[in-house]
Amino acid sequence: MLFSGLRKMFYTYVLISEKCGNRYVGCTHDLGKRLSEHNAGLCKLTKNKRPWRLIYFEKKKTEYEALKREAFFKTGDDRKALKNLLKA
């Protein structure tokens, strides 16, 4: 059994392209590594819009929760909820 301090956390994150202003929503267990991958051009969907800057993230206890939140941000009306979070 793992101690709670050693438990792997998951993140839902939002990036913004400094090149064109587009946003990208994703999830990962290693936020720093994932941002580096986006900026190194290792991600097919984001390589042509580099550089990327992290503008928002949420920490989740499980991968399922992170994926669920990512899906939430990618739906129509819920993009408005993301805009409101980014304004705060």
Protein backbone atom coordinates (compact mmCIF):
# COMPACT_ATOMS: atom_id res chain seq x y z
CA MET A 1 0.00 0.00 0.00
CA LEU A 2 1.29 3.44 -0.90
CA PHE A 3 1.50 6.26 1.58
CA SER A 4 -0.74 9.17 0.62
CA GLY A 5 2.34 11.38 0.13
CA LEU A 6 3.68 9.01 -2.53
CA ARG A 7 0.45 8.70 -4.47
CA LYS A 8 0.63 9.69 -8.13
CA MET A 9 -1.48 12.72 -8.94
CA PHE A 10 -3.02 13.57 -12.30
CA TYR A 11 -3.54 16.97 -13.85
CA THR A 12 -5.99 18.50 -16.26
CA TYR A 13 -4.25 21.42 -17.93
CA VAL A 14 -4.83 24.25 -20.37
CA LEU A 15 -2.14 25.63 -22.66
CA ILE A 16 -2.23 28.69 -24.87
CA SER A 17 -0.25 29.02 -28.08
CA GLU A 18 1.93 32.11 -28.02
CA LYS A 19 2.04 31.87 -31.82
CA CYS A 20 -1.68 32.03 -32.60
CA GLY A 21 -3.61 32.22 -29.30
CA ASN A 22 -5.28 28.82 -29.63
CA ARG A 23 -5.95 26.83 -26.46
CA TYR A 24 -5.22 23.16 -25.88
CA VAL A 25 -6.71 21.06 -23.05
CA GLY A 26 -5.15 17.80 -21.92
CA CYS A 27 -4.36 15.62 -18.93
CA THR A 28 -1.19 13.99 -17.62
CA HIS A 29 0.53 12.64 -14.52
CA ASP A 30 3.70 14.74 -15.12
CA LEU A 31 2.81 18.33 -15.94
CA GLY A 32 6.35 19.63 -16.44
CA LYS A 33 7.33 16.78 -18.74
CA ARG A 34 4.13 17.12 -20.78
CA LEU A 35 4.62 20.87 -21.28
CA SER A 36 8.19 20.19 -22.42
CA GLU A 37 6.89 17.60 -24.90
CA HIS A 38 4.41 20.09 -26.36
CA ASN A 39 7.12 22.75 -26.74
CA ALA A 40 9.63 20.28 -28.23
CA GLY A 41 7.18 19.42 -31.02
CA LEU A 42 6.67 15.83 -29.84
CA CYS A 43 2.86 16.10 -29.89
CA LYS A 44 1.28 15.83 -33.34
CA LEU A 45 -1.68 18.10 -32.61
CA THR A 46 0.32 20.95 -31.08
CA LYS A 47 3.71 20.97 -32.81
CA ASN A 48 2.80 23.60 -35.45
CA LYS A 49 1.51 26.11 -32.89
CA ARG A 50 4.55 26.31 -30.60
CA PRO A 51 5.52 27.78 -28.21
CA TRP A 52 2.93 26.86 -25.58
CA ARG A 53 2.40 28.42 -22.17
CA LEU A 54 0.57 26.80 -19.26
CA ILE A 55 -2.33 29.03 -18.22
CA TYR A 56 -4.40 26.75 -15.96
CA PHE A 57 -4.28 23.35 -14.27
CA GLU A 58 -6.23 21.28 -11.77
CA LYS A 59 -4.84 18.46 -9.65
CA LYS A 60 -6.91 15.25 -9.53
CA LYS A 61 -6.54 12.08 -7.45
CA THR A 62 -7.24 9.66 -10.31
CA GLU A 63 -6.65 9.51 -14.03
CA TYR A 64 -10.38 8.99 -14.51
CA GLU A 65 -11.15 12.30 -12.76
CA ALA A 66 -8.56 14.13 -14.87
CA LEU A 67 -9.92 12.64 -18.11
CA LYS A 68 -13.49 13.47 -17.09
CA ARG A 69 -12.53 17.09 -16.41
CA GLU A 70 -10.65 17.29 -19.74
CA ALA A 71 -13.75 16.06 -21.56
CA PHE A 72 -15.84 18.62 -19.66
CA PHE A 73 -13.64 21.47 -20.91
CA LYS A 74 -13.83 20.23 -24.51
CA THR A 75 -17.64 20.36 -24.78
CA GLY A 76 -19.61 23.33 -26.12
CA ASP A 77 -21.21 25.08 -23.15
CA ASP A 78 -18.45 24.03 -20.79
CA ARG A 79 -15.90 26.08 -22.74
CA LYS A 80 -17.70 29.04 -21.16
CA ALA A 81 -16.96 27.58 -17.70
CA LEU A 82 -13.28 27.39 -18.65
CA LYS A 83 -13.33 31.02 -19.80
CA ASN A 84 -14.79 32.03 -16.44
CA LEU A 85 -12.07 30.10 -14.57
CA LEU A 86 -9.38 31.82 -16.63
CA LYS A 87 -10.81 35.27 -15.87
CA ALA A 88 -10.53 34.70 -12.10
